Amino acid sequence: MTGVRVLICDDEQLLREALVRLVGAADDLTVVGAVGDGAAAVAAVAELRPDVVLMDIRLPGMDGIEATRRITRQNGPSRVLILTTYDLDSYVYAGLQAGASGFLLKDAPGERIRDGIRIVAAGQSVLAPEATTRMIEALQPLLPTDEDRALLAAADRLTEREREVCALIAEGLSNDEIARRLVISRYTVKVHVSSILTKLGLPDRVHVLLSWSRLRGLHP
């Protein structure tokens, strides 16, 4: 046997057989086994050591997410490509967190599935276009904006003491409370606050509170 070694895991026998034929039709792909549940997939991986496991999610007993987690924790050569009917974001995230290298839908064209196997076997990742678009949309609000990047750059100019003052402002402390907490004079706190406002380009301490909270989210 040559080429990429593939194990197929799906609880529907007809679909499992169809996938065996689909994958086996490619000269560079070899089906080394086909099983119907997660526990059997984990055992088959330990025995057969395939390059790629085509893994369904909804399986009897151990589901595909748990099976994926156990397979990827074995530190062997096997990588998992999830192939499912269910185009749900929760499955995408759970599968990737479990260690899967890709996610495709069962109604994808046959060549896309075969290409997905090849991509995963080469050590790369693949996502169904439908899932990719929504994932980008979901992550977009978490990515730093130009304003965020400017704020991060400005924050790098703060001294360690000024950072301490920012953190205490973010806690809602007054200048007097900050002075007592840091054991410095109220005047010194005012100097630090003035410097912070100048360096961050902010109008008042309320904006310091908001910006510091944002900075912590960008760079915890």
C-alpha atoms as a PDB file:
ATOM      1  CA  MET A   1       0.000   0.000   0.000  1.00  0.00           C
ATOM      2  CA  THR A   2       1.288   3.449  -0.890  1.00  0.00           C
ATOM      3  CA  GLY A   3       0.244   7.043  -0.524  1.00  0.00           C
ATOM      4  CA  VAL A   4      -1.773   8.551   2.315  1.00  0.00           C
ATOM      5  CA  ARG A   5      -3.219   5.945   4.667  1.00  0.00           C
ATOM      6  CA  VAL A   6      -6.801   6.772   5.661  1.00  0.00           C
ATOM      7  CA  LEU A   7      -9.106   5.434   8.372  1.00  0.00           C
ATOM      8  CA  ILE A   8     -12.823   6.174   7.972  1.00  0.00           C
ATOM      9  CA  CYS A   9     -15.166   6.478  10.946  1.00  0.00           C
ATOM     10  CA  ASP A  10     -18.909   6.873  10.328  1.00  0.00           C
ATOM     11  CA  ASP A  11     -21.853   5.161  11.999  1.00  0.00           C
ATOM     12  CA  GLU A  12     -23.948   4.929   8.814  1.00  0.00           C
ATOM     13  CA  GLN A  13     -22.865   1.808   6.966  1.00  0.00           C
ATOM     14  CA  LEU A  14     -23.951   2.930   3.500  1.00  0.00           C
ATOM     15  CA  LEU A  15     -22.162   6.243   3.839  1.00  0.00           C
ATOM     16  CA  ARG A  16     -19.114   4.530   5.307  1.00  0.00           C
ATOM     17  CA  GLU A  17     -18.966   2.221   2.299  1.00  0.00           C
ATOM     18  CA  ALA A  18     -19.449   5.163  -0.059  1.00  0.00           C
ATOM     19  CA  LEU A  19     -16.546   7.001   1.576  1.00  0.00           C
ATOM     20  CA  VAL A  20     -14.364   3.906   1.251  1.00  0.00           C
ATOM     21  CA  ARG A  21     -15.063   3.870  -2.482  1.00  0.00           C
ATOM     22  CA  LEU A  22     -14.612   7.638  -2.818  1.00  0.00           C
ATOM     23  CA  VAL A  23     -11.281   7.736  -1.031  1.00  0.00           C
ATOM     24  CA  GLY A  24     -10.014   4.462  -2.482  1.00  0.00           C
ATOM     25  CA  ALA A  25     -10.634   5.704  -6.031  1.00  0.00           C
ATOM     26  CA  ALA A  26      -7.628   8.036  -5.743  1.00  0.00           C
ATOM     27  CA  ASP A  27      -4.279   6.487  -6.618  1.00  0.00           C
ATOM     28  CA  ASP A  28      -2.489   8.362  -3.836  1.00  0.00           C
ATOM     29  CA  LEU A  29      -4.988   7.499  -1.060  1.00  0.00           C
ATOM     30  CA  THR A  30      -5.371   4.111   0.616  1.00  0.00           C
ATOM     31  CA  VAL A  31      -8.180   3.140   2.982  1.00  0.00           C
ATOM     32  CA  VAL A  32      -6.673   1.031   5.771  1.00  0.00           C
ATOM     33  CA  GLY A  33      -9.872   0.582   7.767  1.00  0.00           C
ATOM     34  CA  ALA A  34     -13.480   1.647   8.305  1.00  0.00           C
ATOM     35  CA  VAL A  35     -15.248   1.682  11.670  1.00  0.00           C
ATOM     36  CA  GLY A  36     -18.621   2.784  13.014  1.00  0.00           C
ATOM     37  CA  ASP A  37     -17.970   4.406  16.402  1.00  0.00           C
ATOM     38  CA  GLY A  38     -15.478   6.556  18.272  1.00  0.00           C
ATOM     39  CA  ALA A  39     -14.054   3.885  20.533  1.00  0.00           C
ATOM     40  CA  ALA A  40     -13.386   1.639  17.538  1.00  0.00           C
ATOM     41  CA  ALA A  41     -11.666   4.541  15.788  1.00  0.00           C
ATOM     42  CA  VAL A  42      -9.339   5.140  18.737  1.00  0.00           C
ATOM     43  CA  ALA A  43      -8.452   1.437  18.842  1.00  0.00           C
ATOM     44  CA  ALA A  44      -7.966   1.259  15.070  1.00  0.00           C
ATOM     45  CA  VAL A  45      -5.652   4.260  15.112  1.00  0.00           C
ATOM     46  CA  ALA A  46      -3.463   2.609  17.747  1.00  0.00           C
ATOM     47  CA  GLU A  47      -3.272  -0.551  15.633  1.00  0.00           C
ATOM     48  CA  LEU A  48      -3.176   0.780  12.067  1.00  0.00           C
ATOM     49  CA  ARG A  49      -1.530   4.194  12.568  1.00  0.00           C
ATOM     50  CA  PRO A  50      -3.190   5.876   9.591  1.00  0.00           C
ATOM     51  CA  ASP A  51      -2.013   9.248   8.322  1.00  0.00           C
ATOM     52  CA  VAL A  52      -5.527  10.724   8.366  1.00  0.00           C
ATOM     53  CA  VAL A  53      -8.766   9.791  10.109  1.00  0.00           C
ATOM     54  CA  LEU A  54     -12.012  10.877   8.438  1.00  0.00           C
ATOM     55  CA  MET A  55     -14.110  11.378  11.557  1.00  0.00           C
ATOM     56  CA  ASP A  56     -17.872  11.806  11.916  1.00  0.00           C
ATOM     57  CA  ILE A  57     -19.083  13.745  14.965  1.00  0.00           C
ATOM     58  CA  ARG A  58     -22.354  12.144  16.025  1.00  0.00           C
ATOM     59  CA  LEU A  59     -21.416   8.565  16.831  1.00  0.00           C
ATOM     60  CA  PRO A  60     -22.835   5.942  19.187  1.00  0.00           C
ATOM     61  CA  GLY A  61     -21.035   5.702  22.523  1.00  0.00           C
ATOM     62  CA  MET A  62     -17.922   7.846  22.266  1.00  0.00           C
ATOM     63  CA  ASP A  63     -18.643  10.777  19.933  1.00  0.00           C
ATOM     64  CA  GLY A  64     -16.264  12.071  17.302  1.00  0.00           C
ATOM     65  CA  ILE A  65     -15.072  15.011  19.390  1.00  0.00           C
ATOM     66  CA  GLU A  66     -13.891  12.801  22.248  1.00  0.00           C
ATOM     67  CA  ALA A  67     -12.416  10.286  19.813  1.00  0.00           C
ATOM     68  CA  THR A  68     -10.523  13.105  18.111  1.00  0.00           C
ATOM     69  CA  ARG A  69      -9.201  14.303  21.460  1.00  0.00           C
ATOM     70  CA  ARG A  70      -7.919  10.843  22.357  1.00  0.00           C
ATOM     71  CA  ILE A  71      -6.382  10.232  18.955  1.00  0.00           C
ATOM     72  CA  THR A  72      -4.504  13.523  18.867  1.00  0.00           C
ATOM     73  CA  ARG A  73      -3.248  12.960  22.424  1.00  0.00           C
ATOM     74  CA  GLN A  74      -1.589   9.716  21.355  1.00  0.00           C
ATOM     75  CA  ASN A  75       1.182  11.793  19.765  1.00  0.00           C
ATOM     76  CA  GLY A  76       1.251   9.444  16.801  1.00  0.00           C
ATOM     77  CA  PRO A  77       1.270  10.274  13.099  1.00  0.00           C
ATOM     78  CA  SER A  78      -2.520  10.314  12.737  1.00  0.00           C
ATOM     79  CA  ARG A  79      -4.272  13.598  12.018  1.00  0.00           C
ATOM     80  CA  VAL A  80      -8.051  14.028  12.114  1.00  0.00           C
ATOM     81  CA  LEU A  81     -10.271  15.527   9.435  1.00  0.00           C
ATOM     82  CA  ILE A  82     -13.834  15.905  10.683  1.00  0.00           C
ATOM     83  CA  LEU A  83     -16.465  15.099   8.094  1.00  0.00           C
ATOM     84  CA  THR A  84     -20.021  15.729   9.197  1.00  0.00           C
ATOM     85  CA  THR A  85     -23.541  16.551   8.061  1.00  0.00           C
ATOM     86  CA  TYR A  86     -23.893  19.239  10.711  1.00  0.00           C
ATOM     87  CA  ASP A  87     -22.724  22.712   9.767  1.00  0.00           C
ATOM     88  CA  LEU A  88     -22.727  24.096  13.316  1.00  0.00           C
ATOM     89  CA  ASP A  89     -20.172  26.531  14.717  1.00  0.00           C
ATOM     90  CA  SER A  90     -20.105  24.701  18.042  1.00  0.00           C
ATOM     91  CA  TYR A  91     -18.944  21.543  16.259  1.00  0.00           C
ATOM     92  CA  VAL A  92     -16.247  23.445  14.377  1.00  0.00           C
ATOM     93  CA  TYR A  93     -14.824  25.015  17.532  1.00  0.00           C
ATOM     94  CA  ALA A  94     -15.125  21.823  19.601  1.00  0.00           C
ATOM     95  CA  GLY A  95     -13.444  19.771  16.896  1.00  0.00           C
ATOM     96  CA  LEU A  96     -10.559  22.180  16.474  1.00  0.00           C
ATOM     97  CA  GLN A  97     -10.106  22.469  20.235  1.00  0.00           C
ATOM     98  CA  ALA A  98      -9.978  18.676  20.414  1.00  0.00           C
ATOM     99  CA  GLY A  99      -7.064  18.724  17.982  1.00  0.00           C
ATOM    100  CA  ALA A 100      -8.695  18.163  14.589  1.00  0.00           C
ATOM    101  CA  SER A 101      -6.772  19.498  11.618  1.00  0.00           C
ATOM    102  CA  GLY A 102      -9.802  20.197   9.481  1.00  0.00           C
ATOM    103  CA  PHE A 103     -13.564  20.272   9.082  1.00  0.00           C
ATOM    104  CA  LEU A 104     -15.562  19.470   5.953  1.00  0.00           C
ATOM    105  CA  LEU A 105     -19.224  18.768   5.280  1.00  0.00           C
ATOM    106  CA  LYS A 106     -20.371  15.433   3.903  1.00  0.00           C
ATOM    107  CA  ASP A 107     -22.115  17.115   0.994  1.00  0.00           C
ATOM    108  CA  ALA A 108     -18.824  18.578  -0.205  1.00  0.00           C
ATOM    109  CA  PRO A 109     -17.725  17.469  -3.685  1.00  0.00           C
ATOM    110  CA  GLY A 110     -15.743  14.242  -3.655  1.00  0.00           C
ATOM    111  CA  GLU A 111     -12.592  15.891  -4.933  1.00  0.00           C
ATOM    112  CA  ARG A 112     -12.763  18.479  -2.161  1.00  0.00           C
ATOM    113  CA  ILE A 113     -12.875  15.686   0.392  1.00  0.00           C
ATOM    114  CA  ARG A 114      -9.927  13.927  -1.217  1.00  0.00           C
ATOM    115  CA  ASP A 115      -7.997  17.203  -1.405  1.00  0.00           C
ATOM    116  CA  GLY A 116      -8.830  17.833   2.246  1.00  0.00           C
ATOM    117  CA  ILE A 117      -7.261  14.496   3.155  1.00  0.00           C
ATOM    118  CA  ARG A 118      -4.129  15.369   1.198  1.00  0.00           C
ATOM    119  CA  ILE A 119      -3.877  18.816   2.796  1.00  0.00           C
ATOM    120  CA  VAL A 120      -4.257  17.439   6.317  1.00  0.00           C
ATOM    121  CA  ALA A 121      -1.774  14.624   5.615  1.00  0.00           C
ATOM    122  CA  ALA A 122       0.739  17.285   4.546  1.00  0.00           C
ATOM    123  CA  GLY A 123       0.497  18.878   7.975  1.00  0.00           C
ATOM    124  CA  GLN A 124      -1.790  21.740   7.026  1.00  0.00           C
ATOM    125  CA  SER A 125      -5.378  22.608   7.962  1.00  0.00           C
ATOM    126  CA  VAL A 126      -8.585  22.824   5.983  1.00  0.00           C
ATOM    127  CA  LEU A 127     -12.006  24.252   6.792  1.00  0.00           C
ATOM    128  CA  ALA A 128     -15.291  24.089   4.935  1.00  0.00           C
ATOM    129  CA  PRO A 129     -15.786  27.439   3.159  1.00  0.00           C
ATOM    130  CA  GLU A 130     -19.086  27.897   4.993  1.00  0.00           C
ATOM    131  CA  ALA A 131     -17.387  27.527   8.366  1.00  0.00           C
ATOM    132  CA  THR A 132     -14.404  29.665   7.385  1.00  0.00           C
ATOM    133  CA  THR A 133     -16.556  32.662   6.488  1.00  0.00           C
ATOM    134  CA  ARG A 134     -18.477  32.567   9.753  1.00  0.00           C
ATOM    135  CA  MET A 135     -15.341  31.995  11.823  1.00  0.00           C
ATOM    136  CA  ILE A 136     -13.695  35.065  10.317  1.00  0.00           C
ATOM    137  CA  GLU A 137     -16.842  37.078  11.025  1.00  0.00           C
ATOM    138  CA  ALA A 138     -16.911  35.821  14.625  1.00  0.00           C
ATOM    139  CA  LEU A 139     -13.234  36.610  15.235  1.00  0.00           C
ATOM    140  CA  GLN A 140     -13.245  39.997  13.491  1.00  0.00           C
ATOM    141  CA  PRO A 141     -14.444  41.948  16.577  1.00  0.00           C
ATOM    142  CA  LEU A 142     -11.602  40.364  18.579  1.00  0.00           C
ATOM    143  CA  LEU A 143      -8.883  41.486  16.186  1.00  0.00           C
ATOM    144  CA  PRO A 144      -7.055  44.746  17.002  1.00  0.00           C
ATOM    145  CA  THR A 145      -8.184  47.776  15.017  1.00  0.00           C
ATOM    146  CA  ASP A 146      -5.894  50.598  13.873  1.00  0.00           C
ATOM    147  CA  GLU A 147      -7.038  52.492  16.971  1.00  0.00           C
ATOM    148  CA  ASP A 148      -6.141  49.515  19.153  1.00  0.00           C
ATOM    149  CA  ARG A 149      -2.690  49.252  17.597  1.00  0.00           C
ATOM    150  CA  ALA A 150      -2.104  52.971  18.196  1.00  0.00           C
ATOM    151  CA  LEU A 151      -3.192  52.539  21.812  1.00  0.00           C
ATOM    152  CA  LEU A 152      -0.837  49.581  22.266  1.00  0.00           C
ATOM    153  CA  ALA A 153       2.045  51.597  20.853  1.00  0.00           C
ATOM    154  CA  ALA A 154       1.231  54.516  23.163  1.00  0.00           C
ATOM    155  CA  ALA A 155       0.986  52.197  26.180  1.00  0.00           C
ATOM    156  CA  ASP A 156       4.546  51.007  25.527  1.00  0.00           C
ATOM    157  CA  ARG A 157       5.709  54.519  26.465  1.00  0.00           C
ATOM    158  CA  LEU A 158       4.216  54.288  29.953  1.00  0.00           C
ATOM    159  CA  THR A 159       6.552  53.759  32.877  1.00  0.00           C
ATOM    160  CA  GLU A 160       6.004  50.888  35.283  1.00  0.00           C
ATOM    161  CA  ARG A 161       4.585  53.287  37.887  1.00  0.00           C
ATOM    162  CA  GLU A 162       2.247  54.816  35.313  1.00  0.00           C
ATOM    163  CA  ARG A 163       0.988  51.353  34.475  1.00  0.00           C
ATOM    164  CA  GLU A 164       0.273  50.764  38.149  1.00  0.00           C
ATOM    165  CA  VAL A 165      -1.674  54.017  38.293  1.00  0.00           C
ATOM    166  CA  CYS A 166      -3.643  53.032  35.161  1.00  0.00           C
ATOM    167  CA  ALA A 167      -4.570  49.713  36.713  1.00  0.00           C
ATOM    168  CA  LEU A 168      -5.799  51.443  39.876  1.00  0.00           C
ATOM    169  CA  ILE A 169      -7.785  53.989  37.876  1.00  0.00           C
ATOM    170  CA  ALA A 170      -9.376  51.031  36.089  1.00  0.00           C
ATOM    171  CA  GLU A 171     -10.383  49.713  39.522  1.00  0.00           C
ATOM    172  CA  GLY A 172     -12.250  52.979  40.104  1.00  0.00           C
ATOM    173  CA  LEU A 173      -9.882  54.396  42.722  1.00  0.00           C
ATOM    174  CA  SER A 174      -9.636  58.149  43.288  1.00  0.00           C
ATOM    175  CA  ASN A 175      -6.325  60.038  43.354  1.00  0.00           C
ATOM    176  CA  ASP A 176      -6.329  59.979  47.162  1.00  0.00           C
ATOM    177  CA  GLU A 177      -6.972  56.222  47.206  1.00  0.00           C
ATOM    178  CA  ILE A 178      -4.235  55.626  44.651  1.00  0.00           C
ATOM    179  CA  ALA A 179      -1.837  57.718  46.740  1.00  0.00           C
ATOM    180  CA  ARG A 180      -2.566  55.628  49.825  1.00  0.00           C
ATOM    181  CA  ARG A 181      -2.312  52.354  47.889  1.00  0.00           C
ATOM    182  CA  LEU A 182       1.068  53.240  46.355  1.00  0.00           C
ATOM    183  CA  VAL A 183       2.317  55.179  49.390  1.00  0.00           C
ATOM    184  CA  ILE A 184       3.028  58.317  47.374  1.00  0.00           C
ATOM    185  CA  SER A 185       1.718  61.878  47.575  1.00  0.00           C
ATOM    186  CA  ARG A 186      -1.534  63.010  45.971  1.00  0.00           C
ATOM    187  CA  TYR A 187       0.493  65.521  43.944  1.00  0.00           C
ATOM    188  CA  THR A 188       2.663  62.708  42.567  1.00  0.00           C
ATOM    189  CA  VAL A 189      -0.468  60.815  41.540  1.00  0.00           C
ATOM    190  CA  LYS A 190      -1.724  63.909  39.700  1.00  0.00           C
ATOM    191  CA  VAL A 191       1.600  64.157  37.871  1.00  0.00           C
ATOM    192  CA  HIS A 192       1.370  60.512  36.843  1.00  0.00           C
ATOM    193  CA  VAL A 193      -2.243  60.905  35.685  1.00  0.00           C
ATOM    194  CA  SER A 194      -1.339  63.968  33.617  1.00  0.00           C
ATOM    195  CA  SER A 195       1.545  62.085  32.010  1.00  0.00           C
ATOM    196  CA  ILE A 196      -0.710  59.084  31.282  1.00  0.00           C
ATOM    197  CA  LEU A 197      -3.325  61.277  29.593  1.00  0.00           C
ATOM    198  CA  THR A 198      -0.644  62.915  27.452  1.00  0.00           C
ATOM    199  CA  LYS A 199       1.061  59.673  26.425  1.00  0.00           C
ATOM    200  CA  LEU A 200      -2.201  57.879  25.614  1.00  0.00           C
ATOM    201  CA  GLY A 201      -3.782  60.934  24.010  1.00  0.00           C
ATOM    202  CA  LEU A 202      -6.864  60.703  26.233  1.00  0.00           C
ATOM    203  CA  PRO A 203      -9.035  63.560  27.549  1.00  0.00           C
ATOM    204  CA  ASP A 204      -9.791  62.320  31.070  1.00  0.00           C
ATOM    205  CA  ARG A 205      -9.489  59.454  33.563  1.00  0.00           C
ATOM    206  CA  VAL A 206     -12.788  57.895  32.448  1.00  0.00           C
ATOM    207  CA  HIS A 207     -11.172  57.257  29.067  1.00  0.00           C
ATOM    208  CA  VAL A 208      -8.133  55.869  30.877  1.00  0.00           C
ATOM    209  CA  LEU A 209     -10.404  53.334  32.563  1.00  0.00           C
ATOM    210  CA  LEU A 210     -12.008  52.328  29.251  1.00  0.00           C
ATOM    211  CA  SER A 211      -8.714  52.206  27.373  1.00  0.00           C
ATOM    212  CA  TRP A 212      -6.921  50.228  30.076  1.00  0.00           C
ATOM    213  CA  SER A 213      -9.713  47.648  30.047  1.00  0.00           C
ATOM    214  CA  ARG A 214      -9.355  47.396  26.282  1.00  0.00           C
ATOM    215  CA  LEU A 215      -5.577  47.066  26.565  1.00  0.00           C
ATOM    216  CA  ARG A 216      -5.940  44.203  29.019  1.00  0.00           C
ATOM    217  CA  GLY A 217      -8.184  42.444  26.520  1.00  0.00           C
ATOM    218  CA  LEU A 218      -5.667  42.931  23.722  1.00  0.00           C
ATOM    219  CA  HIS A 219      -2.589  42.079  25.760  1.00  0.00           C
ATOM    220  CA  PRO A 220      -3.532  40.284  28.984  1.00  0.00           C
END
